Amino acid sequence: MQLTKKVVSHIERFTSLQDQELIAFSLLQSVEDILAPPYQCIIRRSKTGKIVSQFILEEDQKKHKTTEIKIPDRFADLLSAFSKQKVESHSEKINDHYYFILMVNHSPSSDLIYLMERDREVDKFEYDLLSGLFQVFKNFIDLIIDSQTDQLTGLLNRKTFDTAITRFWEYANPTNYLGREKRQERENEQNYVVVFDIDHFKRINDDYGHLFGDEVLILVANKLRDSFRSDDFLFRFGGEEFVLLLKGITQENCEALLNKVHQRIAETEFPNISQLTISSGVCALKDNIFYMTILDYADKALYESKKNGRNQATFFNIDEEVENKQEITGEIDLF
C-alpha cells in the first residue's frame, strides 16, 4: 500500500508539469526514489543511431546534455542489437552487472530510450512498474506535443516559441556551459535566430487558392525540417513565416548552411509553380539583449533580404546597432 501511494504521488507530480524537459527529470527522480538504480538516463537517438540528447541526474543535478554525452560503454553495443531486434525492452547480464533498455517513445525523426544499469536483474514487478510509469509519461508527452504542434505542418507552434526561446536565450553563449578545452574549440560559435518567409506567397494563394497554399506550406516545412539538426527548434510562426533557433554554430557555417537551404528550396519542383523561393533574416543571440529585440533584428534583416532581391539570407549587424544606439544616447542632454 505504501509503495502504491508512492507511485501515485510520483505520477501526480510529473503529470502536473507542462514542460517536456521537467517531466523527463521528474520521471527519472520517480524511478530513483522507487528503485534507486546506480545509473539511469533517458536518451534521444536519431534514426541514424546518433545520440543527440540525454537527460540524466548527476551529483544531485538535473542535466540535459546535447554535447559531451557519455553512457556506459556496454550500452553502445546493446543499443545496436536492441535496434535490430525491434523490441520494446531488453535486459542483459555482463560481468555481474545488469543492463536494461526500454523504448519510451517512437517519432519520425528520433526515439526516446530509457537506460538503467544495476547489480541485479529487473524482476517482473519492477518491469511492470517501469512500463506503467513510462506509458503514463508517453501518453502525457503525446498530449503536450499535440498542444505544442502546428496542426498543418507538424512544426512547433507560435504558442511554444516564448517558452523555447526563453530557455534558448539563457544559453545565448554556447561556450558558457562547456569545459575549458571544448570552450576553446568552440569559442566562435553562437546561437542564432533565423526568420524565414516564403516569397510571393500571397500571389500563390490568390492564383491557386488557400488549399494549394497549404500544400506549399507543408512542403516547405518538410524541406526546412530535413535541413537542420534534431536539437534545433523550428516553428511555424504564422502564415508563411517560420522561425528557427539554431544552436552552437559559427557565422561562417551558419551562412553556408542557410545558403544550401535557399538553394534546396529554389531547386525543388512544386506543382504549378515555375520556382518557389524563401528569404531569411538572421541575428545572433546575446545574453545582454532581450530575445524579443533579437527577433525584431532578425525580422529587419529579413526585410533587407526581400528588398535586395529575395532568395537570400541577411545577417543583422548587431554590434553596429549597439554602437549606433550608444552614439545616439550619448548625444542626448537629459538635464
Protein backbone atom coordinates (compact mmCIF):
# COMPACT_ATOMS: atom_id res chain seq x y z
CA MET A 1 0.00 0.00 0.00
CA GLN A 2 2.84 2.39 0.87
CA LEU A 3 4.54 1.72 -2.48
CA THR A 4 1.25 2.25 -4.33
CA LYS A 5 0.82 5.63 -2.69
CA LYS A 6 4.41 6.49 -3.59
CA VAL A 7 3.87 5.60 -7.26
CA VAL A 8 0.60 7.54 -7.45
CA SER A 9 2.30 10.53 -5.82
CA HIS A 10 5.05 10.49 -8.45
CA ILE A 11 2.54 10.20 -11.29
CA GLU A 12 0.64 13.17 -9.88
CA ARG A 13 3.90 15.14 -9.72
CA PHE A 14 5.11 14.72 -13.28
CA THR A 15 1.63 14.99 -14.85
CA SER A 16 1.23 18.39 -13.18
CA LEU A 17 4.06 19.76 -15.34
CA GLN A 18 3.78 21.20 -18.85
CA ASP A 19 7.44 21.20 -19.88
CA GLN A 20 8.87 18.09 -21.57
CA GLU A 21 12.32 18.55 -20.04
CA LEU A 22 10.97 18.94 -16.50
CA ILE A 23 8.71 15.92 -16.99
CA ALA A 24 11.68 13.77 -18.07
CA PHE A 25 13.64 14.76 -14.97
CA SER A 26 10.60 14.21 -12.76
CA LEU A 27 10.26 10.70 -14.19
CA LEU A 28 13.94 9.92 -13.55
CA GLN A 29 13.53 11.19 -10.00
CA SER A 30 10.49 8.94 -9.55
CA VAL A 31 12.47 5.86 -10.63
CA GLU A 32 15.33 6.97 -8.38
CA ASP A 33 13.02 7.20 -5.36
CA ILE A 34 11.32 3.87 -6.03
CA LEU A 35 14.11 1.60 -7.39
CA ALA A 36 17.32 3.57 -6.62
CA PRO A 37 19.39 2.33 -9.61
CA PRO A 38 23.11 3.29 -9.52
CA TYR A 39 22.88 4.53 -13.11
CA GLN A 40 19.96 5.63 -15.26
CA CYS A 41 19.26 8.15 -18.00
CA ILE A 42 16.91 8.93 -20.87
CA ILE A 43 18.45 9.44 -24.31
CA ARG A 44 17.07 10.74 -27.56
CA ARG A 45 18.55 8.89 -30.52
CA SER A 46 18.17 9.90 -34.16
CA LYS A 47 17.16 7.38 -36.81
CA THR A 48 20.82 7.25 -37.91
CA GLY A 49 21.75 5.92 -34.44
CA LYS A 50 23.34 9.11 -33.11
CA ILE A 51 22.55 10.10 -29.51
CA VAL A 52 21.51 13.75 -29.83
CA SER A 53 20.49 14.49 -26.25
CA GLN A 54 20.49 12.99 -22.77
CA PHE A 55 18.51 13.56 -19.57
CA ILE A 56 20.46 12.46 -16.51
CA LEU A 57 20.65 13.10 -12.76
CA GLU A 58 24.30 13.63 -11.81
CA GLU A 59 25.55 14.66 -8.38
CA ASP A 60 22.03 15.82 -7.40
CA GLN A 61 21.86 17.99 -10.51
CA LYS A 62 19.45 17.75 -13.43
CA LYS A 63 21.41 17.80 -16.68
CA HIS A 64 20.03 17.94 -20.20
CA LYS A 65 23.03 17.37 -22.44
CA THR A 66 23.28 17.92 -26.18
CA THR A 67 27.10 17.82 -26.19
CA GLU A 68 29.67 15.70 -24.33
CA ILE A 69 27.12 12.90 -23.94
CA LYS A 70 28.52 9.82 -22.20
CA ILE A 71 26.87 6.47 -21.49
CA PRO A 72 28.46 3.26 -20.14
CA ASP A 73 30.39 1.53 -22.94
CA ARG A 74 28.32 -1.63 -22.70
CA PHE A 75 25.18 0.24 -23.73
CA ALA A 76 26.61 1.21 -27.13
CA ASP A 77 26.75 -2.41 -28.31
CA LEU A 78 23.47 -3.29 -26.64
CA LEU A 79 21.67 -0.35 -28.28
CA SER A 80 22.80 -1.53 -31.70
CA ALA A 81 21.43 -5.03 -31.06
CA PHE A 82 18.30 -3.54 -29.45
CA SER A 83 17.50 -1.55 -32.62
CA LYS A 84 17.96 -4.58 -34.88
CA GLN A 85 15.68 -6.74 -32.71
CA LYS A 86 12.91 -4.10 -32.87
CA VAL A 87 11.70 -4.99 -29.38
CA GLU A 88 10.28 -2.71 -26.69
CA SER A 89 12.76 -3.73 -23.97
CA HIS A 90 15.97 -5.66 -23.48
CA SER A 91 17.90 -6.87 -20.42
CA GLU A 92 21.34 -8.47 -20.35
CA LYS A 93 23.85 -9.55 -17.70
CA ILE A 94 27.51 -8.65 -18.29
CA ASN A 95 30.17 -9.19 -15.59
CA ASP A 96 27.73 -9.23 -12.67
CA HIS A 97 26.00 -6.08 -13.92
CA TYR A 98 22.54 -5.96 -15.47
CA TYR A 99 21.82 -3.56 -18.32
CA PHE A 100 18.20 -2.67 -19.00
CA ILE A 101 16.88 -0.81 -22.07
CA LEU A 102 13.27 0.34 -22.54
CA MET A 103 11.82 2.03 -25.62
CA VAL A 104 9.84 5.02 -24.33
CA ASN A 105 8.59 6.67 -27.49
CA HIS A 106 8.98 6.49 -31.27
CA SER A 107 8.78 9.56 -33.51
CA PRO A 108 9.50 10.05 -37.24
CA SER A 109 12.87 11.67 -36.51
CA SER A 110 14.09 10.06 -33.27
CA ASP A 111 13.46 7.58 -30.45
CA LEU A 112 13.32 8.23 -26.71
CA ILE A 113 15.03 5.39 -24.81
CA TYR A 114 15.48 4.66 -21.10
CA LEU A 115 18.77 3.09 -19.91
CA MET A 116 19.44 1.57 -16.50
CA GLU A 117 22.43 -0.28 -15.04
CA ARG A 118 22.47 -2.03 -11.66
CA ASP A 119 23.72 -5.15 -9.85
CA ARG A 120 20.53 -7.21 -10.08
CA GLU A 121 18.03 -8.07 -12.78
CA VAL A 122 14.76 -6.23 -13.24
CA ASP A 123 12.07 -8.58 -11.95
CA LYS A 124 8.52 -8.82 -13.31
CA PHE A 125 7.06 -6.47 -10.71
CA GLU A 126 9.74 -3.84 -11.38
CA TYR A 127 9.35 -4.25 -15.15
CA ASP A 128 5.57 -3.77 -14.93
CA LEU A 129 6.14 -0.75 -12.70
CA LEU A 130 8.63 0.83 -15.10
CA SER A 131 6.47 0.05 -18.12
CA GLY A 132 3.44 1.58 -16.43
CA LEU A 133 5.27 4.75 -15.41
CA PHE A 134 6.74 5.23 -18.87
CA GLN A 135 3.39 4.54 -20.56
CA VAL A 136 1.80 7.33 -18.50
CA PHE A 137 4.81 9.50 -19.36
CA LYS A 138 4.45 8.73 -23.09
CA ASN A 139 0.70 9.41 -23.13
CA PHE A 140 1.17 12.68 -21.28
CA ILE A 141 4.05 13.77 -23.53
CA ASP A 142 1.89 12.99 -26.57
CA LEU A 143 -0.79 15.34 -25.23
CA ILE A 144 1.77 18.09 -24.63
CA ILE A 145 3.34 17.60 -28.08
CA ASP A 146 -0.12 17.86 -29.63
CA SER A 147 -0.74 21.16 -27.85
CA GLN A 148 2.68 22.49 -28.91
CA THR A 149 2.46 21.45 -32.57
CA ASP A 150 1.17 23.38 -35.56
CA GLN A 151 -1.66 21.22 -36.90
CA LEU A 152 -0.92 21.93 -40.57
CA THR A 153 2.86 21.50 -40.79
CA GLY A 154 3.71 19.42 -37.71
CA LEU A 155 6.30 22.01 -36.63
CA LEU A 156 6.32 23.66 -33.21
CA ASN A 157 3.67 26.37 -32.96
CA ARG A 158 3.79 30.05 -32.05
CA LYS A 159 2.49 29.40 -28.54
CA THR A 160 5.53 27.24 -27.78
CA PHE A 161 8.01 29.81 -29.05
CA ASP A 162 8.08 32.03 -25.95
CA THR A 163 8.97 29.14 -23.63
CA ALA A 164 11.58 27.72 -26.01
CA ILE A 165 13.36 30.99 -26.75
CA THR A 166 13.45 31.94 -23.06
CA ARG A 167 15.48 28.80 -22.33
CA PHE A 168 17.49 29.27 -25.54
CA TRP A 169 18.29 32.86 -24.52
CA GLU A 170 19.57 31.71 -21.12
CA TYR A 171 22.26 29.82 -23.04
CA ALA A 172 22.87 32.57 -25.61
CA ASN A 173 26.61 31.90 -25.46
CA PRO A 174 27.04 28.14 -26.05
CA THR A 175 30.55 28.19 -24.57
CA ASN A 176 29.27 29.21 -21.13
CA TYR A 177 28.33 25.65 -20.18
CA LEU A 178 31.29 23.76 -21.71
CA GLY A 179 34.58 22.64 -20.23
CA ARG A 180 37.73 24.67 -20.88
CA GLU A 181 39.02 22.53 -23.78
CA LYS A 182 35.66 22.44 -25.54
CA ARG A 183 35.21 26.15 -24.88
CA GLN A 184 38.43 26.95 -26.71
CA GLU A 185 37.42 24.72 -29.62
CA ARG A 186 34.04 26.40 -29.94
CA GLU A 187 34.75 29.97 -28.90
CA ASN A 188 33.49 31.35 -32.24
CA GLU A 189 30.17 29.52 -32.05
CA GLN A 190 26.94 31.35 -31.31
CA ASN A 191 23.22 30.62 -31.16
CA TYR A 192 21.13 32.23 -33.89
CA VAL A 193 17.53 33.26 -34.51
CA VAL A 194 16.54 32.86 -38.17
CA VAL A 195 13.26 34.14 -39.63
CA PHE A 196 12.14 32.55 -42.92
CA ASP A 197 9.40 33.85 -45.19
CA ILE A 198 8.05 32.31 -48.42
CA ASP A 199 8.49 34.79 -51.26
CA HIS A 200 5.31 35.99 -53.05
CA PHE A 201 3.12 33.64 -51.01
CA LYS A 202 0.09 35.92 -51.26
CA ARG A 203 0.28 35.61 -55.03
CA ILE A 204 0.24 31.80 -54.71
CA ASN A 205 -2.90 31.93 -52.54
CA ASP A 206 -4.58 34.41 -54.89
CA ASP A 207 -3.74 32.42 -58.05
CA TYR A 208 -4.29 28.85 -56.84
CA GLY A 209 -6.37 29.10 -53.66
CA HIS A 210 -5.70 28.52 -50.00
CA LEU A 211 -5.78 24.71 -50.16
CA PHE A 212 -2.92 24.79 -52.65
CA GLY A 213 -1.18 27.35 -50.43
CA ASP A 214 -1.47 24.93 -47.51
CA GLU A 215 0.22 22.21 -49.60
CA VAL A 216 3.09 24.60 -50.32
CA LEU A 217 3.43 25.37 -46.60
CA ILE A 218 3.62 21.65 -45.78
CA LEU A 219 6.25 21.00 -48.47
CA VAL A 220 8.40 23.96 -47.37
CA ALA A 221 8.07 22.94 -43.69
CA ASN A 222 9.26 19.40 -44.55
CA LYS A 223 12.24 20.75 -46.52
CA LEU A 224 13.21 23.04 -43.62
CA ARG A 225 12.79 20.26 -41.03
CA ASP A 226 15.07 17.95 -43.01
CA SER A 227 17.74 20.67 -43.31
CA PHE A 228 18.53 21.12 -39.61
CA ARG A 229 19.59 19.08 -36.59
CA SER A 230 17.06 17.37 -34.36
CA ASP A 231 18.07 19.55 -31.37
CA ASP A 232 17.47 22.83 -33.24
CA PHE A 233 13.99 24.34 -32.84
CA LEU A 234 11.83 25.08 -35.88
CA PHE A 235 8.49 26.87 -35.55
CA ARG A 236 5.69 27.88 -37.85
CA PHE A 237 5.30 31.41 -36.64
CA GLY A 238 2.17 32.30 -38.55
CA GLY A 239 1.05 32.46 -42.18
CA GLU A 240 4.06 31.80 -44.40
CA GLU A 241 6.64 32.70 -41.76
CA PHE A 242 8.89 30.22 -39.94
CA VAL A 243 11.40 30.79 -37.13
CA LEU A 244 14.48 28.69 -36.41
CA LEU A 245 16.53 28.62 -33.20
CA LEU A 246 19.92 27.36 -34.37
CA LYS A 247 22.38 26.09 -31.75
CA GLY A 248 26.16 26.39 -31.44
CA ILE A 249 27.44 27.28 -34.90
CA THR A 250 29.94 29.78 -36.34
CA GLN A 251 28.64 32.59 -38.54
CA GLU A 252 30.57 31.18 -41.50
CA ASN A 253 28.97 27.75 -41.11
CA CYS A 254 25.57 29.27 -40.43
CA GLU A 255 25.77 31.30 -43.63
CA ALA A 256 26.89 28.26 -45.66
CA LEU A 257 24.06 26.15 -44.19
CA LEU A 258 21.40 28.76 -44.95
CA ASN A 259 22.67 29.24 -48.50
CA LYS A 260 22.26 25.49 -49.05
CA VAL A 261 18.71 25.68 -47.66
CA HIS A 262 17.82 28.54 -50.01
CA GLN A 263 19.28 26.66 -52.95
CA ARG A 264 17.49 23.45 -51.98
CA ILE A 265 14.11 25.18 -51.82
CA ALA A 266 14.71 27.03 -55.11
CA GLU A 267 15.61 23.76 -56.87
CA THR A 268 12.57 21.88 -55.56
CA GLU A 269 9.79 21.30 -58.07
CA PHE A 270 6.45 22.49 -56.74
CA PRO A 271 3.23 21.72 -58.65
CA ASN A 272 2.03 24.58 -60.93
CA ILE A 273 4.85 26.89 -59.78
CA SER A 274 7.85 27.55 -62.00
CA GLN A 275 10.04 28.33 -58.99
CA LEU A 276 9.48 28.89 -55.29
CA THR A 277 11.98 30.72 -53.09
CA ILE A 278 12.28 31.81 -49.48
CA SER A 279 14.07 34.74 -47.85
CA SER A 280 15.60 34.81 -44.38
CA GLY A 281 16.88 37.21 -41.75
CA VAL A 282 19.43 36.16 -39.13
CA CYS A 283 20.60 37.56 -35.81
CA ALA A 284 22.94 36.11 -33.19
CA LEU A 285 21.52 35.76 -29.69
CA LYS A 286 23.20 37.87 -27.00
CA ASP A 287 22.63 37.27 -23.30
CA ASN A 288 22.65 41.04 -22.63
CA ILE A 289 19.97 41.83 -25.25
CA PHE A 290 16.34 40.83 -24.72
CA TYR A 291 15.35 37.97 -27.01
CA MET A 292 12.31 39.78 -28.46
CA THR A 293 14.68 42.55 -29.55
CA ILE A 294 16.84 39.89 -31.24
CA LEU A 295 13.72 38.58 -33.01
CA ASP A 296 12.95 42.10 -34.19
CA TYR A 297 16.52 42.44 -35.51
CA ALA A 298 16.16 39.17 -37.43
CA ASP A 299 12.89 40.47 -38.87
CA LYS A 300 14.65 43.65 -40.02
CA ALA A 301 17.32 41.52 -41.69
CA LEU A 302 14.54 39.56 -43.44
CA TYR A 303 13.20 42.85 -44.80
CA GLU A 304 16.65 43.59 -46.24
CA SER A 305 16.68 40.18 -47.95
CA LYS A 306 13.30 40.96 -49.52
CA LYS A 307 14.40 44.42 -50.57
CA ASN A 308 17.63 43.16 -52.14
CA GLY A 309 16.09 40.56 -54.43
CA ARG A 310 14.76 37.74 -52.20
CA ASN A 311 16.03 34.13 -52.10
CA GLN A 312 18.89 35.02 -49.75
CA ALA A 313 19.94 35.25 -46.10
CA THR A 314 20.89 38.56 -44.50
CA PHE A 315 22.73 38.79 -41.17
CA PHE A 316 21.84 41.66 -38.86
CA ASN A 317 24.94 43.54 -37.69
CA ILE A 318 24.15 43.66 -34.01
CA ASP A 319 27.47 45.24 -32.99
CA GLU A 320 26.87 48.14 -35.36
CA GLU A 321 23.33 48.57 -34.00
CA VAL A 322 24.58 48.70 -30.39
CA GLU A 323 27.29 51.21 -31.37
CA ASN A 324 24.75 53.44 -33.14
CA LYS A 325 22.44 53.39 -30.13
CA GLN A 326 25.30 54.33 -27.83
CA GLU A 327 26.16 57.28 -30.07
CA ILE A 328 22.54 58.46 -30.14
CA THR A 329 22.21 58.10 -26.36
CA GLY A 330 25.47 60.00 -25.88
CA GLU A 331 24.17 62.99 -27.83
CA ILE A 332 21.05 63.44 -25.68
CA ASP A 333 21.24 66.02 -22.90
CA LEU A 334 18.91 64.59 -20.27
CA PHE A 335 19.13 67.53 -17.86
